[in-house]
Amino acid sequence: MQTLTVDLGDRSYPIHIGAGLLDRADLVLPHLKQKRVAIVTNTTVGPLYLERLTATLANAGVEVLPIVLPDGEAYKNWETLNTIFDALLTHRAERKTTLIALGGGVIGDLTGFAAASYQRGVPFIQVPTTLLAQVDSSVGGKTGINHPLGKNMIGAFYQPQLVLADTETLNTLPDRELSAGLAEVIKYGLIRDLAFLEWLEGNMDRLVARDPTALAYAIQRSCENKAEVVAADEKEAGQRALLNLGHTFGHAIEAGMGYGNWLHGEGVAAGTILAADLSRRMGNIGQADMDRMAALFQRAGLPTVAPDLGYDAYMGYMGVDKKVEAGRIRFVLFKALGEAYVTADYPEAALRATLTDSPYLAAAR
């Protein structure tokens, strides 16, 4: 087991990464304020791991309330959030009752937002079961739900007490979901860690083949990068915005195609290519960099061509992005591979060309 720390002073918390952690009640018990928890999961993850985690905690004397939600990005909304509140109120959950998110990014975001809101704040723990959640969404305290006009536009910064990443849960992850998680792994190399990017180029085949040693290293290195950025900029006032590489374009793809039709990581991959295309048009990177980036995403099983939603649609969705400032869309762009920056200073003509005439656009499907 590897243990990292997200350094936020008196709100710091550990990230445990390893195999068989769902059986380790000793890792969870120190973070409970009372021996009562609500485990929030979904109809896909629940049948796989809910009974196991419940047994681990029950054998340690913890009372468990299971809350099983429908699975999918389409359910990351007010109605599903209220399902959590209904269960908590019906079973009289208290302020010291800990919520445990057992699932991927949707479950983590919903549970965290419920924890931030219920009785104005109760503790919660992240137990991520997808690669994307283990390397990104479970760490850093971003919680929230989607709105039809924009992804993750309603939520709160609310840190967990603990992140417990059991790498064995990746054994049941569908190939498409594994690839989606690899998009976020690649992101860390592209924005700030060139050595890691080069390692990924040398080891992508091992990751796709689910080599446990390679996966464990990729998760650890990703979490180290995320923890450093969050510790320096918890609420995205500065450098944390770099973690949104590809997300402005990607969220537009997710919303425009209908939530759930494109996985988040797929949108991030195609969105990153569009961000790179804009960077190339501005003279920051060359075509060789574009080709190198696209080749890595393709080896990970990810799309490198974005759907052609149309210029107006893209601008409409991106206009409600959280990075908009003074009415101006800000993008994470490249200075070079391994070095990104956030800017609202780009030629409008270059952005229009990226959204209308890029070779990385194709008819929406």
Protein backbone atom coordinates (compact mmCIF):
# COMPACT_ATOMS: atom_id res chain seq x y z
CA MET A 1 0.00 0.00 0.00
CA GLN A 2 1.17 3.52 -0.83
CA THR A 3 -0.05 6.47 1.25
CA LEU A 4 0.01 10.08 0.07
CA THR A 5 -1.25 13.18 1.88
CA VAL A 6 -3.26 16.09 0.56
CA ASP A 7 -1.74 18.89 2.63
CA LEU A 8 -4.48 21.31 3.64
CA GLY A 9 -3.45 22.10 7.19
CA ASP A 10 -5.98 20.85 9.72
CA ARG A 11 -8.13 19.52 6.84
CA SER A 12 -5.35 17.35 5.41
CA TYR A 13 -6.24 13.76 4.55
CA PRO A 14 -4.57 10.57 3.37
CA ILE A 15 -4.89 8.79 0.03
CA HIS A 16 -4.30 5.06 0.43
CA ILE A 17 -3.55 3.18 -2.81
CA GLY A 18 -3.27 -0.60 -2.93
CA ALA A 19 -4.89 -3.99 -3.42
CA GLY A 20 -7.47 -5.40 -1.01
CA LEU A 21 -8.17 -2.13 0.79
CA LEU A 22 -11.95 -2.78 0.85
CA ASP A 23 -11.15 -5.35 3.56
CA ARG A 24 -9.21 -2.89 5.74
CA ALA A 25 -11.58 -1.53 8.38
CA ASP A 26 -8.52 -0.28 10.27
CA LEU A 27 -7.97 2.34 7.56
CA VAL A 28 -11.53 3.65 7.85
CA LEU A 29 -12.32 3.53 11.58
CA PRO A 30 -9.96 6.39 12.63
CA HIS A 31 -11.91 8.73 10.33
CA LEU A 32 -15.41 7.96 11.67
CA LYS A 33 -16.97 10.29 14.23
CA GLN A 34 -19.54 7.63 15.12
CA LYS A 35 -19.93 3.98 14.21
CA ARG A 36 -22.64 4.70 11.71
CA VAL A 37 -22.19 5.30 7.98
CA ALA A 38 -24.25 5.59 4.81
CA ILE A 39 -22.64 3.95 1.78
CA VAL A 40 -23.77 5.58 -1.46
CA THR A 41 -23.25 3.46 -4.57
CA ASN A 42 -25.04 2.59 -7.81
CA THR A 43 -26.73 -0.34 -9.52
CA THR A 44 -23.51 -1.34 -11.30
CA VAL A 45 -20.95 -1.07 -8.49
CA GLY A 46 -23.30 -2.11 -5.69
CA PRO A 47 -23.65 -5.76 -6.73
CA LEU A 48 -19.87 -6.01 -7.06
CA TYR A 49 -18.58 -4.36 -3.89
CA LEU A 50 -21.32 -3.12 -1.55
CA GLU A 51 -21.68 -6.38 0.35
CA ARG A 52 -17.92 -6.68 0.78
CA LEU A 53 -17.43 -3.16 2.15
CA THR A 54 -20.54 -3.50 4.34
CA ALA A 55 -19.21 -6.74 5.83
CA THR A 56 -15.81 -5.16 6.50
CA LEU A 57 -17.41 -2.32 8.44
CA ALA A 58 -20.14 -4.39 10.13
CA ASN A 59 -17.53 -6.80 11.46
CA ALA A 60 -15.87 -3.78 13.08
CA GLY A 61 -19.15 -2.81 14.76
CA VAL A 62 -20.21 -0.12 12.29
CA GLU A 63 -23.89 0.25 11.37
CA VAL A 64 -24.30 0.63 7.59
CA LEU A 65 -27.12 2.30 5.65
CA PRO A 66 -26.89 1.39 1.95
CA ILE A 67 -28.13 3.92 -0.63
CA VAL A 68 -28.18 2.54 -4.19
CA LEU A 69 -28.64 5.01 -7.05
CA PRO A 70 -29.17 4.50 -10.78
CA ASP A 71 -25.94 4.37 -12.77
CA GLY A 72 -24.82 6.98 -15.28
CA GLU A 73 -23.92 10.61 -15.92
CA ALA A 74 -27.55 11.25 -16.89
CA TYR A 75 -28.50 10.80 -13.20
CA LYS A 76 -26.05 13.35 -11.82
CA ASN A 77 -28.85 15.79 -11.06
CA TRP A 78 -31.11 17.28 -8.38
CA GLU A 79 -33.53 14.36 -8.44
CA THR A 80 -30.83 11.80 -7.64
CA LEU A 81 -29.30 14.10 -5.04
CA ASN A 82 -32.68 14.25 -3.32
CA THR A 83 -32.79 10.45 -3.27
CA ILE A 84 -29.72 10.58 -1.01
CA PHE A 85 -31.32 13.21 1.22
CA ASP A 86 -34.56 11.20 1.40
CA ALA A 87 -32.68 8.15 2.67
CA LEU A 88 -30.62 10.15 5.17
CA LEU A 89 -33.68 11.87 6.60
CA THR A 90 -35.82 8.72 6.65
CA HIS A 91 -33.14 6.89 8.64
CA ARG A 92 -32.38 9.95 10.79
CA ALA A 93 -28.75 10.28 9.85
CA GLU A 94 -26.96 12.72 12.15
CA ARG A 95 -24.18 15.26 11.75
CA LYS A 96 -21.61 12.68 12.83
CA THR A 97 -22.85 10.09 10.33
CA THR A 98 -20.21 9.65 7.62
CA LEU A 99 -21.19 9.28 3.98
CA ILE A 100 -19.03 6.86 1.97
CA ALA A 101 -18.93 7.21 -1.81
CA LEU A 102 -18.43 3.75 -3.34
CA GLY A 103 -18.18 4.13 -7.11
CA GLY A 104 -16.85 6.29 -9.89
CA GLY A 105 -16.80 10.02 -10.44
CA VAL A 106 -20.57 10.48 -10.59
CA ILE A 107 -21.09 8.75 -7.23
CA GLY A 108 -18.19 10.65 -5.69
CA ASP A 109 -19.47 14.02 -6.88
CA LEU A 110 -23.06 13.32 -5.79
CA THR A 111 -22.05 11.96 -2.39
CA GLY A 112 -19.63 14.79 -1.73
CA PHE A 113 -22.24 17.40 -2.60
CA ALA A 114 -24.79 15.63 -0.41
CA ALA A 115 -22.25 15.60 2.45
CA ALA A 116 -21.50 19.29 1.97
CA SER A 117 -25.21 20.13 2.07
CA TYR A 118 -26.84 17.70 4.53
CA GLN A 119 -27.26 19.42 7.89
CA ARG A 120 -24.82 22.01 6.48
CA GLY A 121 -21.98 19.54 6.35
CA VAL A 122 -21.29 15.96 7.41
CA PRO A 123 -18.06 13.96 6.96
CA PHE A 124 -17.51 11.83 3.88
CA ILE A 125 -15.02 9.31 2.55
CA GLN A 126 -14.15 8.53 -1.05
CA VAL A 127 -13.82 4.87 -2.08
CA PRO A 128 -13.27 5.25 -5.85
CA THR A 129 -13.76 2.14 -8.01
CA THR A 130 -12.87 3.50 -11.47
CA LEU A 131 -9.49 4.60 -12.75
CA LEU A 132 -10.79 8.08 -13.51
CA ALA A 133 -12.06 8.50 -9.95
CA GLN A 134 -8.88 7.04 -8.40
CA VAL A 135 -6.56 9.39 -10.29
CA ASP A 136 -8.68 12.53 -10.39
CA SER A 137 -12.22 13.11 -9.19
CA SER A 138 -11.90 11.53 -5.72
CA VAL A 139 -9.01 13.83 -4.81
CA GLY A 140 -9.35 17.55 -4.24
CA GLY A 141 -12.84 18.14 -2.90
CA LYS A 142 -14.74 19.13 -6.04
CA THR A 143 -18.33 17.99 -5.69
CA GLY A 144 -21.46 18.76 -7.63
CA ILE A 145 -24.17 17.94 -10.13
CA ASN A 146 -24.88 18.76 -13.75
CA HIS A 147 -27.37 21.21 -15.22
CA PRO A 148 -28.82 20.78 -18.73
CA LEU A 149 -26.95 23.94 -19.76
CA GLY A 150 -23.60 23.01 -18.25
CA LYS A 151 -21.65 20.22 -16.54
CA ASN A 152 -20.73 20.48 -12.85
CA MET A 153 -22.12 24.00 -12.63
CA ILE A 154 -23.80 23.44 -9.23
CA GLY A 155 -21.71 22.17 -6.34
CA ALA A 156 -19.22 22.94 -3.61
CA PHE A 157 -15.58 22.55 -2.67
CA TYR A 158 -15.77 20.02 0.17
CA GLN A 159 -12.84 17.80 1.13
CA PRO A 160 -13.17 14.14 2.13
CA GLN A 161 -11.72 12.69 5.33
CA LEU A 162 -10.01 9.90 3.43
CA VAL A 163 -9.52 8.47 -0.07
CA LEU A 164 -9.32 4.66 -0.20
CA ALA A 165 -8.31 3.50 -3.69
CA ASP A 166 -8.47 -0.29 -3.93
CA THR A 167 -6.73 -1.14 -7.19
CA GLU A 168 -8.43 -4.56 -7.32
CA THR A 169 -11.71 -2.84 -8.22
CA LEU A 170 -10.19 -2.02 -11.60
CA ASN A 171 -10.35 -5.73 -12.47
CA THR A 172 -14.11 -5.40 -13.07
CA LEU A 173 -13.88 -2.10 -14.94
CA PRO A 174 -15.03 -2.26 -18.59
CA ASP A 175 -12.34 -1.50 -21.17
CA ARG A 176 -14.07 1.71 -22.23
CA GLU A 177 -14.12 2.99 -18.64
CA LEU A 178 -10.46 2.10 -18.19
CA SER A 179 -9.60 4.12 -21.29
CA ALA A 180 -11.65 7.04 -19.99
CA GLY A 181 -9.55 7.05 -16.84
CA LEU A 182 -6.35 7.01 -18.84
CA ALA A 183 -7.34 10.38 -20.33
CA GLU A 184 -6.96 11.98 -16.91
CA VAL A 185 -3.67 10.13 -16.32
CA ILE A 186 -2.26 11.45 -19.60
CA LYS A 187 -3.43 14.94 -18.62
CA TYR A 188 -0.95 15.16 -15.73
CA GLY A 189 1.93 14.43 -18.06
CA LEU A 190 0.76 16.98 -20.60
CA ILE A 191 0.27 19.88 -18.18
CA ARG A 192 3.20 19.60 -15.75
CA ASP A 193 5.12 16.33 -15.75
CA LEU A 194 7.05 15.64 -18.94
CA ALA A 195 8.96 12.74 -17.37
CA PHE A 196 5.64 11.06 -16.56
CA LEU A 197 4.41 11.72 -20.11
CA GLU A 198 7.48 9.95 -21.45
CA TRP A 199 6.90 7.06 -19.02
CA LEU A 200 3.32 6.78 -20.29
CA GLU A 201 4.56 6.62 -23.87
CA GLY A 202 6.81 3.75 -22.88
CA ASN A 203 4.22 1.91 -20.79
CA MET A 204 0.80 2.59 -22.32
CA ASP A 205 0.48 -0.98 -23.60
CA ARG A 206 1.03 -2.28 -20.05
CA LEU A 207 -1.65 0.05 -18.71
CA VAL A 208 -4.19 -0.99 -21.34
CA ALA A 209 -3.37 -4.63 -20.51
CA ARG A 210 -4.06 -3.82 -16.81
CA ASP A 211 -0.58 -4.67 -15.58
CA PRO A 212 -1.04 -4.16 -11.81
CA THR A 213 2.43 -2.72 -11.23
CA ALA A 214 2.08 -0.20 -14.05
CA LEU A 215 -1.43 0.79 -12.96
CA ALA A 216 -0.34 1.26 -9.35
CA TYR A 217 2.51 3.54 -10.43
CA ALA A 218 0.26 5.56 -12.77
CA ILE A 219 -2.31 6.05 -10.01
CA GLN A 220 0.36 7.05 -7.49
CA ARG A 221 2.06 9.53 -9.83
CA SER A 222 -1.29 11.03 -10.86
CA CYS A 223 -2.38 11.46 -7.25
CA GLU A 224 0.97 13.01 -6.34
CA ASN A 225 0.48 15.59 -9.09
CA LYS A 226 -3.13 16.25 -8.09
CA ALA A 227 -2.28 16.54 -4.37
CA GLU A 228 0.50 19.06 -5.05
CA VAL A 229 -1.77 21.25 -7.16
CA VAL A 230 -4.71 21.09 -4.72
CA ALA A 231 -2.48 21.89 -1.74
CA ALA A 232 -1.22 25.00 -3.54
CA ASP A 233 -4.61 26.16 -4.86
CA GLU A 234 -7.56 24.43 -3.21
CA LYS A 235 -10.36 26.51 -4.72
CA GLU A 236 -8.99 27.04 -8.21
CA ALA A 237 -7.91 30.66 -7.90
CA GLY A 238 -4.81 29.99 -9.99
CA GLN A 239 -2.80 26.95 -11.01
CA ARG A 240 -5.50 24.36 -10.17
CA ALA A 241 -7.31 25.50 -13.32
CA LEU A 242 -4.54 23.71 -15.26
CA LEU A 243 -6.19 20.43 -14.23
CA ASN A 244 -9.04 21.39 -16.56
CA LEU A 245 -6.97 20.73 -19.69
CA GLY A 246 -9.42 19.68 -22.40
CA HIS A 247 -12.38 20.08 -20.05
CA THR A 248 -13.87 23.26 -21.51
CA PHE A 249 -14.17 21.68 -24.94
CA GLY A 250 -14.86 18.29 -23.38
CA HIS A 251 -17.75 19.41 -21.21
CA ALA A 252 -19.32 21.02 -24.28
CA ILE A 253 -19.04 17.66 -26.06
CA GLU A 254 -20.64 15.82 -23.13
CA ALA A 255 -23.52 18.27 -22.89
CA GLY A 256 -23.98 18.63 -26.64
CA MET A 257 -24.05 14.89 -27.26
CA GLY A 258 -26.32 14.21 -24.27
CA TYR A 259 -24.86 13.31 -20.85
CA GLY A 260 -23.66 9.72 -20.81
CA ASN A 261 -23.25 9.23 -24.56
CA TRP A 262 -19.63 10.35 -24.36
CA LEU A 263 -17.79 9.34 -21.19
CA HIS A 264 -16.07 12.16 -19.35
CA GLY A 265 -12.61 10.88 -20.21
CA GLU A 266 -13.55 10.57 -23.87
CA GLY A 267 -14.68 14.19 -23.89
CA VAL A 268 -11.46 15.24 -22.14
CA ALA A 269 -9.32 13.40 -24.73
CA ALA A 270 -11.06 14.94 -27.74
CA GLY A 271 -11.21 18.30 -25.95
CA THR A 272 -7.48 18.17 -25.27
CA ILE A 273 -6.83 17.65 -28.97
CA LEU A 274 -8.96 20.71 -29.75
CA ALA A 275 -7.01 22.72 -27.15
CA ALA A 276 -3.81 21.52 -28.80
CA ASP A 277 -5.16 22.47 -32.22
CA LEU A 278 -5.83 26.01 -30.96
CA SER A 279 -2.35 26.10 -29.40
CA ARG A 280 -0.84 25.03 -32.73
CA ARG A 281 -2.71 27.76 -34.60
CA MET A 282 -1.24 30.26 -32.13
CA GLY A 283 2.27 29.01 -32.87
CA ASN A 284 2.87 27.49 -29.42
CA ILE A 285 3.37 23.88 -30.53
CA GLY A 286 3.98 22.16 -33.82
CA GLN A 287 2.27 19.40 -35.79
CA ALA A 288 4.79 16.87 -34.48
CA ASP A 289 3.56 17.60 -30.94
CA MET A 290 -0.03 17.18 -32.11
CA ASP A 291 0.79 13.83 -33.70
CA ARG A 292 2.64 12.62 -30.61
CA MET A 293 -0.29 13.55 -28.37
CA ALA A 294 -2.90 12.00 -30.66
CA ALA A 295 -0.88 8.78 -30.92
CA LEU A 296 -0.80 8.40 -27.13
CA PHE A 297 -4.54 8.95 -26.79
CA GLN A 298 -5.19 6.45 -29.59
CA ARG A 299 -3.01 3.83 -27.91
CA ALA A 300 -5.10 4.37 -24.78
CA GLY A 301 -8.25 3.62 -26.76
CA LEU A 302 -9.48 7.21 -26.71
CA PRO A 303 -11.04 9.42 -29.42
CA THR A 304 -8.89 12.08 -31.04
CA VAL A 305 -11.64 13.51 -33.23
CA ALA A 306 -14.36 15.64 -31.64
CA PRO A 307 -17.97 15.78 -32.81
CA ASP A 308 -18.75 18.78 -35.01
CA LEU A 309 -21.47 20.36 -32.88
CA GLY A 310 -21.20 23.61 -34.83
CA TYR A 311 -19.50 26.83 -33.78
CA ASP A 312 -22.56 28.36 -32.12
CA ALA A 313 -23.30 25.25 -30.08
CA TYR A 314 -19.73 24.96 -28.84
CA MET A 315 -19.64 28.62 -27.89
CA GLY A 316 -23.00 28.36 -26.17
CA TYR A 317 -21.96 25.45 -23.98
CA MET A 318 -18.51 26.87 -23.28
CA GLY A 319 -20.01 30.23 -22.38
CA VAL A 320 -21.28 28.74 -19.10
CA ASP A 321 -17.95 27.10 -18.26
CA LYS A 322 -16.66 27.83 -14.74
CA LYS A 323 -13.48 29.39 -16.15
CA VAL A 324 -15.39 32.17 -17.90
CA GLU A 325 -14.22 35.49 -16.51
CA ALA A 326 -15.71 38.89 -17.38
CA GLY A 327 -17.65 37.17 -20.15
CA ARG A 328 -14.47 35.80 -21.74
CA ILE A 329 -13.89 32.04 -22.13
CA ARG A 330 -10.52 31.00 -20.69
CA PHE A 331 -8.78 27.90 -22.00
CA VAL A 332 -5.97 25.69 -20.79
CA LEU A 333 -3.50 25.78 -23.69
CA PHE A 334 0.02 24.50 -24.32
CA LYS A 335 3.31 26.32 -24.21
CA ALA A 336 4.93 22.96 -24.89
CA LEU A 337 4.25 19.33 -24.09
CA GLY A 338 4.55 19.07 -20.32
CA GLU A 339 3.81 22.78 -19.83
CA ALA A 340 0.34 24.33 -19.96
CA TYR A 341 -1.14 27.71 -19.04
CA VAL A 342 -4.58 29.28 -18.58
CA THR A 343 -5.44 32.21 -20.80
CA ALA A 344 -8.23 34.32 -22.23
CA ASP A 345 -5.77 35.85 -24.68
CA TYR A 346 -6.19 34.04 -27.99
CA PRO A 347 -7.19 35.19 -31.48
CA GLU A 348 -10.91 34.81 -32.04
CA ALA A 349 -10.18 33.78 -35.61
CA ALA A 350 -8.00 30.91 -34.39
CA LEU A 351 -10.73 29.66 -32.05
CA ARG A 352 -13.31 29.87 -34.81
CA ALA A 353 -11.03 27.93 -37.14
CA THR A 354 -10.52 25.23 -34.50
CA LEU A 355 -14.30 24.86 -34.09
CA THR A 356 -15.19 24.97 -37.78
CA ASP A 357 -12.23 23.83 -39.86
CA SER A 358 -10.11 21.55 -37.70
CA PRO A 359 -9.03 18.16 -39.06
CA TYR A 360 -9.88 16.90 -35.58
CA LEU A 361 -13.63 17.52 -36.07
CA ALA A 362 -16.09 15.10 -37.65
CA ALA A 363 -19.85 14.84 -38.04
CA ALA A 364 -21.50 14.23 -34.66
CA ARG A 365 -22.32 10.56 -34.09
